[in-house]
PDB file of N, CA and C in Angstrom:
ATOM      1  N   MET A   1       1.961  -0.540 -13.305  1.00  0.00           N
ATOM      2  CA  MET A   1       2.442  -1.620 -12.476  1.00  0.00           C
ATOM      3  C   MET A   1       3.203  -1.020 -11.294  1.00  0.00           C
ATOM      4  N   PRO A   2       2.870  -1.432 -10.061  1.00  0.00           N
ATOM      5  CA  PRO A   2       3.550  -0.869  -8.899  1.00  0.00           C
ATOM      6  C   PRO A   2       5.000  -1.335  -8.826  1.00  0.00           C
ATOM      7  N   ARG A   3       5.823  -0.487  -8.223  1.00  0.00           N
ATOM      8  CA  ARG A   3       7.229  -0.824  -8.071  1.00  0.00           C
ATOM      9  C   ARG A   3       7.387  -1.847  -6.954  1.00  0.00           C
ATOM     10  N   PRO A   4       8.328  -2.792  -7.110  1.00  0.00           N
ATOM     11  CA  PRO A   4       8.524  -3.793  -6.053  1.00  0.00           C
ATOM     12  C   PRO A   4       9.111  -3.158  -4.794  1.00  0.00           C
ATOM     13  N   THR A   5       8.723  -3.695  -3.669  1.00  0.00           N
ATOM     14  CA  THR A   5       9.220  -3.199  -2.388  1.00  0.00           C
ATOM     15  C   THR A   5      10.550  -3.864  -2.048  1.00  0.00           C
ATOM     16  N   ALA A   6      11.208  -3.356  -1.021  1.00  0.00           N
ATOM     17  CA  ALA A   6      12.477  -3.944  -0.578  1.00  0.00           C
ATOM     18  C   ALA A   6      12.268  -5.375  -0.084  1.00  0.00           C
ATOM     19  N   ALA A   7      11.146  -5.626   0.544  1.00  0.00           N
ATOM     20  CA  ALA A   7      10.858  -6.987   1.022  1.00  0.00           C
ATOM     21  C   ALA A   7      10.714  -7.952  -0.146  1.00  0.00           C
ATOM     22  N   GLN A   8      10.079  -7.504  -1.228  1.00  0.00           N
ATOM     23  CA  GLN A   8       9.937  -8.366  -2.398  1.00  0.00           C
ATOM     24  C   GLN A   8      11.302  -8.683  -3.003  1.00  0.00           C
ATOM     25  N   PHE A   9      12.172  -7.678  -3.097  1.00  0.00           N
ATOM     26  CA  PHE A   9      13.530  -7.923  -3.588  1.00  0.00           C
ATOM     27  C   PHE A   9      14.261  -8.917  -2.692  1.00  0.00           C
ATOM     28  N   ALA A  10      14.185  -8.702  -1.386  1.00  0.00           N
ATOM     29  CA  ALA A  10      14.916  -9.547  -0.441  1.00  0.00           C
ATOM     30  C   ALA A  10      14.420 -10.991  -0.481  1.00  0.00           C
ATOM     31  N   TYR A  11      13.108 -11.188  -0.402  1.00  0.00           N
ATOM     32  CA  TYR A  11      12.574 -12.546  -0.411  1.00  0.00           C
ATOM     33  C   TYR A  11      12.820 -13.240  -1.749  1.00  0.00           C
ATOM     34  N   GLY A  12      12.670 -12.515  -2.841  1.00  0.00           N
ATOM     35  CA  GLY A  12      12.918 -13.103  -4.155  1.00  0.00           C
ATOM     36  C   GLY A  12      14.370 -13.497  -4.327  1.00  0.00           C
ATOM     37  N   SER A  13      15.282 -12.622  -3.936  1.00  0.00           N
ATOM     38  CA  SER A  13      16.715 -12.925  -4.055  1.00  0.00           C
ATOM     39  C   SER A  13      17.115 -14.089  -3.159  1.00  0.00           C
ATOM     40  N   ALA A  14      16.638 -14.086  -1.931  1.00  0.00           N
ATOM     41  CA  ALA A  14      16.949 -15.180  -1.017  1.00  0.00           C
ATOM     42  C   ALA A  14      16.406 -16.508  -1.543  1.00  0.00           C
ATOM     43  N   THR A  15      15.233 -16.478  -2.128  1.00  0.00           N
ATOM     44  CA  THR A  15      14.651 -17.694  -2.694  1.00  0.00           C
ATOM     45  C   THR A  15      15.502 -18.214  -3.839  1.00  0.00           C
ATOM     46  N   VAL A  16      15.980 -17.323  -4.701  1.00  0.00           N
ATOM     47  CA  VAL A  16      16.818 -17.735  -5.826  1.00  0.00           C
ATOM     48  C   VAL A  16      18.103 -18.385  -5.325  1.00  0.00           C
ATOM     49  N   VAL A  17      18.765 -17.756  -4.358  1.00  0.00           N
ATOM     50  CA  VAL A  17      20.042 -18.280  -3.862  1.00  0.00           C
ATOM     51  C   VAL A  17      19.847 -19.627  -3.181  1.00  0.00           C
ATOM     52  N   VAL A  18      18.886 -19.712  -2.270  1.00  0.00           N
ATOM     53  CA  VAL A  18      18.670 -20.945  -1.518  1.00  0.00           C
ATOM     54  C   VAL A  18      18.209 -22.070  -2.451  1.00  0.00           C
ATOM     55  N   THR A  19      17.318 -21.764  -3.372  1.00  0.00           N
ATOM     56  CA  THR A  19      16.833 -22.785  -4.303  1.00  0.00           C
ATOM     57  C   THR A  19      17.949 -23.278  -5.206  1.00  0.00           C
ATOM     58  N   THR A  20      18.782 -22.377  -5.689  1.00  0.00           N
ATOM     59  CA  THR A  20      19.892 -22.782  -6.549  1.00  0.00           C
ATOM     60  C   THR A  20      20.833 -23.720  -5.812  1.00  0.00           C
ATOM     61  N   LEU A  21      21.227 -23.334  -4.598  1.00  0.00           N
ATOM     62  CA  LEU A  21      22.124 -24.191  -3.820  1.00  0.00           C
ATOM     63  C   LEU A  21      21.487 -25.549  -3.518  1.00  0.00           C
ATOM     64  N   ALA A  22      20.232 -25.539  -3.125  1.00  0.00           N
ATOM     65  CA  ALA A  22      19.555 -26.791  -2.784  1.00  0.00           C
ATOM     66  C   ALA A  22      19.438 -27.711  -4.000  1.00  0.00           C
ATOM     67  N   LEU A  23      19.059 -27.162  -5.150  1.00  0.00           N
ATOM     68  CA  LEU A  23      18.902 -27.997  -6.343  1.00  0.00           C
ATOM     69  C   LEU A  23      20.245 -28.508  -6.852  1.00  0.00           C
ATOM     70  N   LEU A  24      21.285 -27.672  -6.792  1.00  0.00           N
ATOM     71  CA  LEU A  24      22.605 -28.128  -7.231  1.00  0.00           C
ATOM     72  C   LEU A  24      23.127 -29.237  -6.323  1.00  0.00           C
ATOM     73  N   LEU A  25      22.900 -29.116  -5.017  1.00  0.00           N
ATOM     74  CA  LEU A  25      23.333 -30.172  -4.100  1.00  0.00           C
ATOM     75  C   LEU A  25      22.458 -31.424  -4.223  1.00  0.00           C
ATOM     76  N   LEU A  26      21.180 -31.242  -4.475  1.00  0.00           N
ATOM     77  CA  LEU A  26      20.258 -32.369  -4.565  1.00  0.00           C
ATOM     78  C   LEU A  26      20.507 -33.201  -5.818  1.00  0.00           C
ATOM     79  N   PHE A  27      20.670 -32.536  -6.964  1.00  0.00           N
ATOM     80  CA  PHE A  27      20.817 -33.258  -8.227  1.00  0.00           C
ATOM     81  C   PHE A  27      22.280 -33.528  -8.593  1.00  0.00           C
ATOM     82  N   ARG A  28      23.213 -32.886  -7.928  1.00  0.00           N
ATOM     83  CA  ARG A  28      24.638 -33.064  -8.184  1.00  0.00           C
ATOM     84  C   ARG A  28      24.958 -33.012  -9.679  1.00  0.00           C
ATOM     85  N   THR A  29      24.412 -32.014 -10.317  1.00  0.00           N
ATOM     86  CA  THR A  29      24.615 -31.869 -11.754  1.00  0.00           C
ATOM     87  C   THR A  29      25.946 -31.187 -12.034  1.00  0.00           C
ATOM     88  N   GLU A  30      26.598 -31.595 -13.109  1.00  0.00           N
ATOM     89  CA  GLU A  30      27.857 -30.999 -13.524  1.00  0.00           C
ATOM     90  C   GLU A  30      27.802 -30.500 -14.960  1.00  0.00           C
ATOM     91  N   SER A  31      26.765 -30.843 -15.675  1.00  0.00           N
ATOM     92  CA  SER A  31      26.655 -30.418 -17.075  1.00  0.00           C
ATOM     93  C   SER A  31      26.131 -28.985 -17.151  1.00  0.00           C
ATOM     94  N   GLY A  32      26.454 -28.324 -18.236  1.00  0.00           N
ATOM     95  CA  GLY A  32      26.002 -26.941 -18.430  1.00  0.00           C
ATOM     96  C   GLY A  32      24.505 -26.838 -18.561  1.00  0.00           C
ATOM     97  N   ILE A  33      23.903 -27.815 -19.213  1.00  0.00           N
ATOM     98  CA  ILE A  33      22.446 -27.796 -19.389  1.00  0.00           C
ATOM     99  C   ILE A  33      21.742 -27.976 -18.042  1.00  0.00           C
ATOM    100  N   GLY A  34      22.258 -28.840 -17.184  1.00  0.00           N
ATOM    101  CA  GLY A  34      21.676 -29.054 -15.863  1.00  0.00           C
ATOM    102  C   GLY A  34      21.777 -27.811 -14.991  1.00  0.00           C
ATOM    103  N   VAL A  35      22.928 -27.144 -15.037  1.00  0.00           N
ATOM    104  CA  VAL A  35      23.111 -25.913 -14.258  1.00  0.00           C
ATOM    105  C   VAL A  35      22.179 -24.818 -14.773  1.00  0.00           C
ATOM    106  N   ALA A  36      22.030 -24.735 -16.098  1.00  0.00           N
ATOM    107  CA  ALA A  36      21.114 -23.743 -16.681  1.00  0.00           C
ATOM    108  C   ALA A  36      19.669 -24.030 -16.277  1.00  0.00           C
ATOM    109  N   ALA A  37      19.297 -25.297 -16.252  1.00  0.00           N
ATOM    110  CA  ALA A  37      17.933 -25.666 -15.850  1.00  0.00           C
ATOM    111  C   ALA A  37      17.696 -25.321 -14.374  1.00  0.00           C
ATOM    112  N   VAL A  38      18.678 -25.598 -13.532  1.00  0.00           N
ATOM    113  CA  VAL A  38      18.557 -25.272 -12.107  1.00  0.00           C
ATOM    114  C   VAL A  38      18.451 -23.763 -11.925  1.00  0.00           C
ATOM    115  N   GLY A  39      19.291 -23.006 -12.632  1.00  0.00           N
ATOM    116  CA  GLY A  39      19.244 -21.547 -12.532  1.00  0.00           C
ATOM    117  C   GLY A  39      17.918 -20.976 -12.999  1.00  0.00           C
ATOM    118  N   THR A  40      17.411 -21.495 -14.101  1.00  0.00           N
ATOM    119  CA  THR A  40      16.125 -21.025 -14.619  1.00  0.00           C
ATOM    120  C   THR A  40      14.993 -21.352 -13.648  1.00  0.00           C
ATOM    121  N   THR A  41      15.020 -22.554 -13.096  1.00  0.00           N
ATOM    122  CA  THR A  41      13.994 -22.945 -12.122  1.00  0.00           C
ATOM    123  C   THR A  41      14.055 -22.054 -10.883  1.00  0.00           C
ATOM    124  N   ALA A  42      15.268 -21.783 -10.407  1.00  0.00           N
ATOM    125  CA  ALA A  42      15.424 -20.936  -9.214  1.00  0.00           C
ATOM    126  C   ALA A  42      14.951 -19.514  -9.492  1.00  0.00           C
ATOM    127  N   LEU A  43      15.263 -18.974 -10.674  1.00  0.00           N
ATOM    128  CA  LEU A  43      14.794 -17.629 -11.012  1.00  0.00           C
ATOM    129  C   LEU A  43      13.273 -17.567 -11.094  1.00  0.00           C
ATOM    130  N   ALA A  44      12.668 -18.585 -11.693  1.00  0.00           N
ATOM    131  CA  ALA A  44      11.201 -18.615 -11.802  1.00  0.00           C
ATOM    132  C   ALA A  44      10.565 -18.694 -10.418  1.00  0.00           C
ATOM    133  N   LEU A  45      11.129 -19.525  -9.550  1.00  0.00           N
ATOM    134  CA  LEU A  45      10.581 -19.640  -8.195  1.00  0.00           C
ATOM    135  C   LEU A  45      10.776 -18.350  -7.405  1.00  0.00           C
ATOM    136  N   GLY A  46      11.938 -17.699  -7.565  1.00  0.00           N
ATOM    137  CA  GLY A  46      12.181 -16.427  -6.887  1.00  0.00           C
ATOM    138  C   GLY A  46      11.223 -15.347  -7.354  1.00  0.00           C
ATOM    139  N   LEU A  47      10.950 -15.307  -8.647  1.00  0.00           N
ATOM    140  CA  LEU A  47       9.988 -14.337  -9.183  1.00  0.00           C
ATOM    141  C   LEU A  47       8.587 -14.611  -8.651  1.00  0.00           C
ATOM    142  N   LEU A  48       8.211 -15.879  -8.585  1.00  0.00           N
ATOM    143  CA  LEU A  48       6.890 -16.239  -8.054  1.00  0.00           C
ATOM    144  C   LEU A  48       6.752 -15.817  -6.598  1.00  0.00           C
ATOM    145  N   VAL A  49       7.795 -16.058  -5.801  1.00  0.00           N
ATOM    146  CA  VAL A  49       7.752 -15.666  -4.383  1.00  0.00           C
ATOM    147  C   VAL A  49       7.643 -14.147  -4.251  1.00  0.00           C
ATOM    148  N   ALA A  50       8.418 -13.407  -5.046  1.00  0.00           N
ATOM    149  CA  ALA A  50       8.396 -11.942  -4.959  1.00  0.00           C
ATOM    150  C   ALA A  50       7.046 -11.375  -5.381  1.00  0.00           C
ATOM    151  N   VAL A  51       6.436 -11.947  -6.391  1.00  0.00           N
ATOM    152  CA  VAL A  51       5.148 -11.436  -6.879  1.00  0.00           C
ATOM    153  C   VAL A  51       4.016 -11.781  -5.919  1.00  0.00           C
ATOM    154  N   ARG A  52       4.078 -12.945  -5.313  1.00  0.00           N
ATOM    155  CA  ARG A  52       2.999 -13.390  -4.432  1.00  0.00           C
ATOM    156  C   ARG A  52       3.092 -12.814  -3.026  1.00  0.00           C
ATOM    157  N   LEU A  53       4.184 -12.124  -2.704  1.00  0.00           N
ATOM    158  CA  LEU A  53       4.338 -11.525  -1.382  1.00  0.00           C
ATOM    159  C   LEU A  53       3.264 -10.454  -1.202  1.00  0.00           C
ATOM    160  N   PRO A  54       2.520 -10.480  -0.084  1.00  0.00           N
ATOM    161  CA  PRO A  54       1.453  -9.483   0.096  1.00  0.00           C
ATOM    162  C   PRO A  54       2.022  -8.076   0.192  1.00  0.00           C
ATOM    163  N   LEU A  55       1.254  -7.112  -0.311  1.00  0.00           N
ATOM    164  CA  LEU A  55       1.644  -5.708  -0.240  1.00  0.00           C
ATOM    165  C   LEU A  55       1.518  -5.198   1.185  1.00  0.00           C
ATOM    166  N   PRO A  56       2.296  -4.180   1.552  1.00  0.00           N
ATOM    167  CA  PRO A  56       2.113  -3.573   2.872  1.00  0.00           C
ATOM    168  C   PRO A  56       0.692  -3.033   3.014  1.00  0.00           C
ATOM    169  N   ARG A  57       0.228  -2.912   4.242  1.00  0.00           N
ATOM    170  CA  ARG A  57      -1.162  -2.498   4.482  1.00  0.00           C
ATOM    171  C   ARG A  57      -1.476  -1.128   3.894  1.00  0.00           C
ATOM    172  N   HIS A  58      -0.561  -0.173   4.013  1.00  0.00           N
ATOM    173  CA  HIS A  58      -0.867   1.154   3.499  1.00  0.00           C
ATOM    174  C   HIS A  58      -0.920   1.149   1.978  1.00  0.00           C
ATOM    175  N   ARG A  59      -0.140   0.314   1.312  1.00  0.00           N
ATOM    176  CA  ARG A  59      -0.227   0.233  -0.151  1.00  0.00           C
ATOM    177  C   ARG A  59      -1.493  -0.487  -0.580  1.00  0.00           C
ATOM    178  N   ALA A  60      -1.844  -1.557   0.135  1.00  0.00           N
ATOM    179  CA  ALA A  60      -3.046  -2.297  -0.206  1.00  0.00           C
ATOM    180  C   ALA A  60      -4.274  -1.422   0.011  1.00  0.00           C
ATOM    181  N   ALA A  61      -4.287  -0.670   1.114  1.00  0.00           N
ATOM    182  CA  ALA A  61      -5.419   0.224   1.373  1.00  0.00           C
ATOM    183  C   ALA A  61      -5.465   1.344   0.347  1.00  0.00           C
ATOM    184  N   GLU A  62      -4.295   1.817  -0.061  1.00  0.00           N
ATOM    185  CA  GLU A  62      -4.248   2.881  -1.060  1.00  0.00           C
ATOM    186  C   GLU A  62      -4.777   2.384  -2.401  1.00  0.00           C
ATOM    187  N   ALA A  63      -4.383   1.167  -2.782  1.00  0.00           N
ATOM    188  CA  ALA A  63      -4.841   0.613  -4.052  1.00  0.00           C
ATOM    189  C   ALA A  63      -6.342   0.352  -4.019  1.00  0.00           C
ATOM    190  N   ALA A  64      -6.843  -0.153  -2.891  1.00  0.00           N
ATOM    191  CA  ALA A  64      -8.273  -0.438  -2.779  1.00  0.00           C
ATOM    192  C   ALA A  64      -9.082   0.832  -2.581  1.00  0.00           C
ATOM    193  N   GLY A  65      -8.480   1.853  -1.969  1.00  0.00           N
ATOM    194  CA  GLY A  65      -9.220   3.055  -1.633  1.00  0.00           C
ATOM    195  C   GLY A  65      -9.305   4.090  -2.741  1.00  0.00           C
ATOM    196  N   ARG A  66      -8.619   3.878  -3.848  1.00  0.00           N
ATOM    197  CA  ARG A  66      -8.658   4.864  -4.930  1.00  0.00           C
ATOM    198  C   ARG A  66     -10.072   5.085  -5.430  1.00  0.00           C
ATOM    199  N   THR A  67     -10.786   4.015  -5.688  1.00  0.00           N
ATOM    200  CA  THR A  67     -12.146   4.168  -6.190  1.00  0.00           C
ATOM    201  C   THR A  67     -13.076   4.646  -5.090  1.00  0.00           C
ATOM    202  N   ALA A  68     -12.863   4.186  -3.853  1.00  0.00           N
ATOM    203  CA  ALA A  68     -13.706   4.614  -2.743  1.00  0.00           C
ATOM    204  C   ALA A  68     -13.508   6.095  -2.462  1.00  0.00           C
ATOM    205  N   THR A  69     -12.272   6.566  -2.548  1.00  0.00           N
ATOM    206  CA  THR A  69     -11.996   7.974  -2.301  1.00  0.00           C
ATOM    207  C   THR A  69     -12.657   8.844  -3.352  1.00  0.00           C
ATOM    208  N   ALA A  70     -12.595   8.429  -4.596  1.00  0.00           N
ATOM    209  CA  ALA A  70     -13.230   9.206  -5.666  1.00  0.00           C
ATOM    210  C   ALA A  70     -14.736   9.269  -5.455  1.00  0.00           C
ATOM    211  N   GLY A  71     -15.327   8.169  -5.039  1.00  0.00           N
ATOM    212  CA  GLY A  71     -16.766   8.150  -4.809  1.00  0.00           C
ATOM    213  C   GLY A  71     -17.166   9.020  -3.635  1.00  0.00           C
ATOM    214  N   SER A  72     -16.391   8.971  -2.545  1.00  0.00           N
ATOM    215  CA  SER A  72     -16.730   9.793  -1.384  1.00  0.00           C
ATOM    216  C   SER A  72     -16.501  11.273  -1.677  1.00  0.00           C
ATOM    217  N   ALA A  73     -15.496  11.592  -2.488  1.00  0.00           N
ATOM    218  CA  ALA A  73     -15.264  12.988  -2.867  1.00  0.00           C
ATOM    219  C   ALA A  73     -16.435  13.511  -3.697  1.00  0.00           C
ATOM    220  N   ALA A  74     -16.962  12.689  -4.580  1.00  0.00           N
ATOM    221  CA  ALA A  74     -18.102  13.106  -5.396  1.00  0.00           C
ATOM    222  C   ALA A  74     -19.334  13.323  -4.523  1.00  0.00           C
ATOM    223  N   ARG A  75     -19.549  12.439  -3.539  1.00  0.00           N
ATOM    224  CA  ARG A  75     -20.700  12.606  -2.649  1.00  0.00           C
ATOM    225  C   ARG A  75     -20.554  13.866  -1.808  1.00  0.00           C
ATOM    226  N   THR A  76     -19.347  14.134  -1.319  1.00  0.00           N
ATOM    227  CA  THR A  76     -19.119  15.333  -0.521  1.00  0.00           C
ATOM    228  C   THR A  76     -19.346  16.578  -1.352  1.00  0.00           C
ATOM    229  N   HIS A  77     -18.835  16.592  -2.576  1.00  0.00           N
ATOM    230  CA  HIS A  77     -19.026  17.740  -3.454  1.00  0.00           C
ATOM    231  C   HIS A  77     -20.512  17.958  -3.727  1.00  0.00           C
ATOM    232  N   HIS A  78     -21.237  16.879  -3.983  1.00  0.00           N
ATOM    233  CA  HIS A  78     -22.672  16.991  -4.247  1.00  0.00           C
ATOM    234  C   HIS A  78     -23.411  17.511  -3.012  1.00  0.00           C
ATOM    235  N   ALA A  79     -22.995  17.067  -1.827  1.00  0.00           N
ATOM    236  CA  ALA A  79     -23.665  17.499  -0.595  1.00  0.00           C
ATOM    237  C   ALA A  79     -23.377  18.961  -0.289  1.00  0.00           C
ATOM    238  N   LEU A  80     -22.209  19.457  -0.683  1.00  0.00           N
ATOM    239  CA  LEU A  80     -21.826  20.830  -0.371  1.00  0.00           C
ATOM    240  C   LEU A  80     -22.263  21.840  -1.425  1.00  0.00           C
ATOM    241  N   GLU A  81     -22.860  21.390  -2.518  1.00  0.00           N
ATOM    242  CA  GLU A  81     -23.246  22.324  -3.579  1.00  0.00           C
ATOM    243  C   GLU A  81     -24.238  23.378  -3.107  1.00  0.00           C
ATOM    244  N   GLY A  82     -25.193  23.003  -2.270  1.00  0.00           N
ATOM    245  CA  GLY A  82     -26.222  23.941  -1.852  1.00  0.00           C
ATOM    246  C   GLY A  82     -25.886  24.703  -0.576  1.00  0.00           C
ATOM    247  N   ILE A  83     -24.751  24.482   0.001  1.00  0.00           N
ATOM    248  CA  ILE A  83     -24.390  25.132   1.258  1.00  0.00           C
ATOM    249  C   ILE A  83     -23.658  26.430   0.977  1.00  0.00           C
ATOM    250  N   GLY A  84     -23.920  27.443   1.768  1.00  0.00           N
ATOM    251  CA  GLY A  84     -23.269  28.740   1.609  1.00  0.00           C
ATOM    252  C   GLY A  84     -21.810  28.698   2.039  1.00  0.00           C
ATOM    253  N   ALA A  85     -21.097  29.808   1.826  1.00  0.00           N
ATOM    254  CA  ALA A  85     -19.661  29.876   2.105  1.00  0.00           C
ATOM    255  C   ALA A  85     -19.369  29.683   3.594  1.00  0.00           C
ATOM    256  N   ARG A  86     -20.163  30.294   4.459  1.00  0.00           N
ATOM    257  CA  ARG A  86     -19.924  30.185   5.904  1.00  0.00           C
ATOM    258  C   ARG A  86     -20.094  28.743   6.369  1.00  0.00           C
ATOM    259  N   GLU A  87     -21.119  28.069   5.866  1.00  0.00           N
ATOM    260  CA  GLU A  87     -21.357  26.686   6.255  1.00  0.00           C
ATOM    261  C   GLU A  87     -20.270  25.776   5.706  1.00  0.00           C
ATOM    262  N   ARG A  88     -19.728  26.060   4.514  1.00  0.00           N
ATOM    263  CA  ARG A  88     -18.660  25.248   3.938  1.00  0.00           C
ATOM    264  C   ARG A  88     -17.413  25.298   4.803  1.00  0.00           C
ATOM    265  N   ILE A  89     -17.125  26.467   5.363  1.00  0.00           N
ATOM    266  CA  ILE A  89     -15.929  26.617   6.184  1.00  0.00           C
ATOM    267  C   ILE A  89     -16.063  25.788   7.452  1.00  0.00           C
ATOM    268  N   THR A  90     -17.231  25.765   8.032  1.00  0.00           N
ATOM    269  CA  THR A  90     -17.431  25.052   9.292  1.00  0.00           C
ATOM    270  C   THR A  90     -17.956  23.645   9.103  1.00  0.00           C
ATOM    271  N   ALA A  91     -18.080  23.152   7.872  1.00  0.00           N
ATOM    272  CA  ALA A  91     -18.666  21.836   7.635  1.00  0.00           C
ATOM    273  C   ALA A  91     -17.846  20.719   8.276  1.00  0.00           C
ATOM    274  N   GLY A  92     -16.535  20.832   8.294  1.00  0.00           N
ATOM    275  CA  GLY A  92     -15.701  19.781   8.847  1.00  0.00           C
ATOM    276  C   GLY A  92     -15.473  19.894  10.333  1.00  0.00           C
ATOM    277  N   ARG A  93     -15.922  20.942  10.970  1.00  0.00           N
ATOM    278  CA  ARG A  93     -15.688  21.144  12.398  1.00  0.00           C
ATOM    279  C   ARG A  93     -16.788  20.495  13.220  1.00  0.00           C
ATOM    280  N   SER A  94     -16.515  20.326  14.495  1.00  0.00           N
ATOM    281  CA  SER A  94     -17.515  19.720  15.366  1.00  0.00           C
ATOM    282  C   SER A  94     -18.636  20.719  15.646  1.00  0.00           C
ATOM    283  N   SER A  95     -19.755  20.204  16.130  1.00  0.00           N
ATOM    284  CA  SER A  95     -20.909  21.060  16.387  1.00  0.00           C
ATOM    285  C   SER A  95     -20.827  21.768  17.739  1.00  0.00           C
ATOM    286  N   ALA A  96     -19.836  21.444  18.552  1.00  0.00           N
ATOM    287  CA  ALA A  96     -19.694  22.093  19.858  1.00  0.00           C
ATOM    288  C   ALA A  96     -19.255  23.546  19.654  1.00  0.00           C
ATOM    289  N   PRO A  97     -19.795  24.459  20.460  1.00  0.00           N
ATOM    290  CA  PRO A  97     -19.407  25.864  20.302  1.00  0.00           C
ATOM    291  C   PRO A  97     -17.939  26.070  20.679  1.00  0.00           C
ATOM    292  N   ALA A  98     -17.324  26.987  19.996  1.00  0.00           N
ATOM    293  CA  ALA A  98     -15.911  27.288  20.255  1.00  0.00           C
ATOM    294  C   ALA A  98     -15.794  28.011  21.581  1.00  0.00           C
ATOM    295  N   PRO A  99     -14.746  27.747  22.350  1.00  0.00           N
ATOM    296  CA  PRO A  99     -14.579  28.440  23.636  1.00  0.00           C
ATOM    297  C   PRO A  99     -14.289  29.923  23.406  1.00  0.00           C
ATOM    298  N   ALA A 100     -14.760  30.745  24.329  1.00  0.00           N
ATOM    299  CA  ALA A 100     -14.545  32.191  24.221  1.00  0.00           C
ATOM    300  C   ALA A 100     -13.077  32.496  24.481  1.00  0.00           C
ATOM    301  N   PRO A 101     -12.515  33.462  23.768  1.00  0.00           N
ATOM    302  CA  PRO A 101     -11.124  33.827  24.026  1.00  0.00           C
ATOM    303  C   PRO A 101     -10.982  34.321  25.473  1.00  0.00           C
ATOM    304  N   ALA A 102      -9.775  34.235  26.013  1.00  0.00           N
ATOM    305  CA  ALA A 102      -9.534  34.551  27.424  1.00  0.00           C
ATOM    306  C   ALA A 102      -9.776  36.020  27.756  1.00  0.00           C
ATOM    307  N   ASP A 103      -9.548  36.920  26.803  1.00  0.00           N
ATOM    308  CA  ASP A 103      -9.689  38.334  27.112  1.00  0.00           C
ATOM    309  C   ASP A 103     -11.129  38.855  26.896  1.00  0.00           C
ATOM    310  N   GLU A 104     -12.025  38.030  26.410  1.00  0.00           N
ATOM    311  CA  GLU A 104     -13.412  38.445  26.201  1.00  0.00           C
ATOM    312  C   GLU A 104     -14.314  37.740  27.217  1.00  0.00           C
ATOM    313  N   HIS A 105     -15.394  38.419  27.603  1.00  0.00           N
ATOM    314  CA  HIS A 105     -16.333  37.827  28.543  1.00  0.00           C
ATOM    315  C   HIS A 105     -17.603  37.443  27.808  1.00  0.00           C
ATOM    316  N   SER A 106     -18.179  36.380  28.250  1.00  0.00           N
ATOM    317  CA  SER A 106     -19.423  35.941  27.662  1.00  0.00           C
ATOM    318  C   SER A 106     -20.577  36.725  28.278  1.00  0.00           C
ATOM    319  N   LEU A 107     -21.571  37.072  27.450  1.00  0.00           N
ATOM    320  CA  LEU A 107     -22.746  37.780  27.935  1.00  0.00           C
ATOM    321  C   LEU A 107     -23.770  36.813  28.505  1.00  0.00           C
ATOM    322  N   ARG A 108     -23.617  35.543  28.202  1.00  0.00           N
ATOM    323  CA  ARG A 108     -24.543  34.554  28.730  1.00  0.00           C
ATOM    324  C   ARG A 108     -24.132  34.136  30.123  1.00  0.00           C
ATOM    325  N   ARG A 109     -25.091  33.946  31.008  1.00  0.00           N
ATOM    326  CA  ARG A 109     -24.792  33.489  32.373  1.00  0.00           C
ATOM    327  C   ARG A 109     -25.693  32.409  32.777  1.00  0.00           C
TER     328      ARG A 109
END
């Protein structure tokens, strides 16, 4: 189970406080059972708000990308099985030729 974010804590806590105050003022309850019912309702609503809050984009992408990353890693490994060591080193680089160092001259003209 993922750990709750600071936003989930903040929204859940704010929901509990605001809901408790609103329900206590709305129902004007003075009995212990009424206050307990209001508190329980506010806690349940705060928990619902915190759980339903969308995850940040990087966490959502990370959670969704776990299986995709494993699949792409397997495909890459399978594709690189038949390639030699020199080709493996340059597999991730672009196909453009590397520029000649400044102190060396090219023989091509």
